């Protein structure tokens, strides 16, 4: 595997992991500030 291909693959995987963590963190902070959603809420 070439260096550039490997670099892009690692960059993509790290980016995906960080986006998932940021999403969870944003949901957690929102729930702490505004409280847990009622029943069938999307968040």
Protein backbone atom coordinates (compact mmCIF):
# COMPACT_ATOMS: atom_id res chain seq x y z
CA UNK A 1 0.00 0.00 0.00
CA UNK A 2 1.41 3.36 -0.96
CA UNK A 3 2.21 5.99 1.64
CA UNK A 4 -0.46 8.45 0.38
CA UNK A 5 -3.18 5.80 0.34
CA UNK A 6 -2.31 4.66 3.84
CA UNK A 7 -2.23 8.27 5.07
CA UNK A 8 -5.69 8.97 3.60
CA UNK A 9 -7.09 5.78 5.13
CA UNK A 10 -5.76 6.60 8.60
CA UNK A 11 -6.96 10.21 8.27
CA UNK A 12 -10.44 9.03 7.31
CA UNK A 13 -10.67 6.55 10.18
CA UNK A 14 -9.50 9.10 12.77
CA UNK A 15 -11.88 11.69 11.35
CA UNK A 16 -14.81 9.27 11.56
CA UNK A 17 -13.99 8.36 15.17
CA UNK A 18 -13.64 12.01 16.22
CA UNK A 19 -16.93 12.98 14.56
CA UNK A 20 -18.73 10.18 16.41
CA UNK A 21 -17.21 11.30 19.72
CA UNK A 22 -18.13 14.94 19.05
CA UNK A 23 -21.71 13.93 18.26
CA UNK A 24 -22.06 12.00 21.51
CA UNK A 25 -20.46 14.82 23.50
CA UNK A 26 -22.84 17.40 21.99
CA UNK A 27 -25.82 15.18 22.85
CA UNK A 28 -24.54 14.66 26.40
CA UNK A 29 -23.98 18.40 27.00
CA UNK A 30 -27.37 19.29 25.52
CA UNK A 31 -29.09 16.77 27.78
CA UNK A 32 -27.24 18.12 30.82
CA UNK A 33 -28.25 21.70 30.02
CA UNK A 34 -31.86 21.13 28.91
CA UNK A 35 -32.65 17.83 30.63
CA UNK A 36 -33.43 14.44 29.17
CA UNK A 37 -35.85 14.38 26.20
CA UNK A 38 -39.44 13.29 26.78
CA UNK A 39 -40.54 9.87 25.51
CA UNK A 40 -40.06 9.44 21.75
CA UNK A 41 -37.86 12.49 21.11
CA UNK A 42 -35.23 12.16 18.38
CA UNK A 43 -32.24 13.25 20.49
